[in-house]
Amino acid sequence: MKNEYALAGVNYRKIDPFKHMMQETGKRTLRFPNRRGVFVVHAPHAHGAMYRFSRWTNKSILVQTTEGLGNKNWISEWMYQHAGTGRTYYEGIGIDAALMAVNDLIAQGAMPFGYTDEVAAGDSEWFSDKKRAKVLAESFYQICKLAGMALPAGESPSLRYLIKAEPPVKSAPSLSGCALGIITNPKLRITGKRLRVGDVIIGATSSGVHANGISLIIKRALTLQDQFLTKLPNGNTLGDETLIPTRSYVAWVEKMQEYGVDIHALAPMTGDGVSKMAFDQRSFTYVISKDGWPKDIPLIFRFMRELGVDLKTCLKTFNWGIGYCAFVPRKMVNLAIDAGVASGYEMFELGKVVTGRRGVIFGPEKNRFLRPPGK
């Protein structure tokens, strides 16, 4: 017989196996930050974690960034229900969730060493699917290994009165988390204040949509006959293509620091798409040269255009093929690009910063002007 609390929507018998799986996964990550001189010395069951810093000085800076994934795993749930493949489609979701915070964290010059997650579902039933839980936990492990951070703690509440998935998906959790990072040398701190006229914009390519503009993709996909099972020219379904994991840019930023690149600013191409370059409040225009942008625009974006999404909306919503930007002095361009190539990224010299109306001039599309974020 269920107790009254379980009947009210919180059944720990169904939640605890998920918690246990995440805890066991977290234990496997605890040594990953050691390479940065950070050691997890205590990871108690329910109260967080403690860290010891072997390279900490009185000038070191601790940085934290909290971000949520948004709606991307709603598509995972849709595919799990309808694709009939036996897959959970959560292989990249932990990666996506963590990188929303981590890619913002490194924009400040910090290197990640820890991540704490929250997986908040609208019902206890969601947590009881062991196959899905295992895949999600493994995806968190993979990004912790790649980024060099531990997953020492997390939270998994059942929020019946707060979270309800949009049909036809039966249940989908909200994923968010906090990334912790360290700046051992204050000279590596990046605030964006050193951004100046004459800086060159360097870009590293994206892996696809990453995790921005998902609501627009969902809206358009649900109007199609086969919805997320719609076949694309490369053989992928629309769901598969959208769920390609976000790319981490930790290795590029870390390599630029190692090479001594004078980084004036960094910008992840997240909310507001290409116009995110104009994050600074000053009267700067970010001029993207006609031949500076990648010619091979990711298929998912070209498909959105085929569905009738206008170009301006695409540029203001999606990363359009560039996932991360660095703003550096002209003399540092080759070094910044070399750091990217050495770290495995495809790099582009996109354009430059000039004085003028705040916004982005996108040269590849007849110098189309994009207003800054939020405008």
Foldseek 3Di string as FASTA:
>chain_A
DDDPVVVVFFDCVLQVVLLVLLQVLLVVLQCLQVVVQKHWPDQDSADGTDIDHPLADPQKDKDKFKDWLPDLCVLLLVCCVPVPPVDSLLQFVLVLQVQVGQVVRCQFLWQWAEKEKEWEKLGSNVSNPVRNSNNNSVNNSVNSNVRRYGHRYYYYYHNNPPDADDPPRGMGTIMMMMTMTMDSDPQSGEDLPQFDFQWWKKFFWWPAQRRWPVVVLQVLQVVDPCRQQPADPVGHGNSVRSSPHTDHCSQLSVLCVVLVFNFHGKFFQHQQAPLQVLVDPAQKEWEFAQPFDDPDFDPNLVVVVVSPDDPLCSRGTGNRTTGMMTIGHPVRVVVSCVSQVVSPTDMTRTTTMHGHGRFYQHHNVVRDTHHHPPD
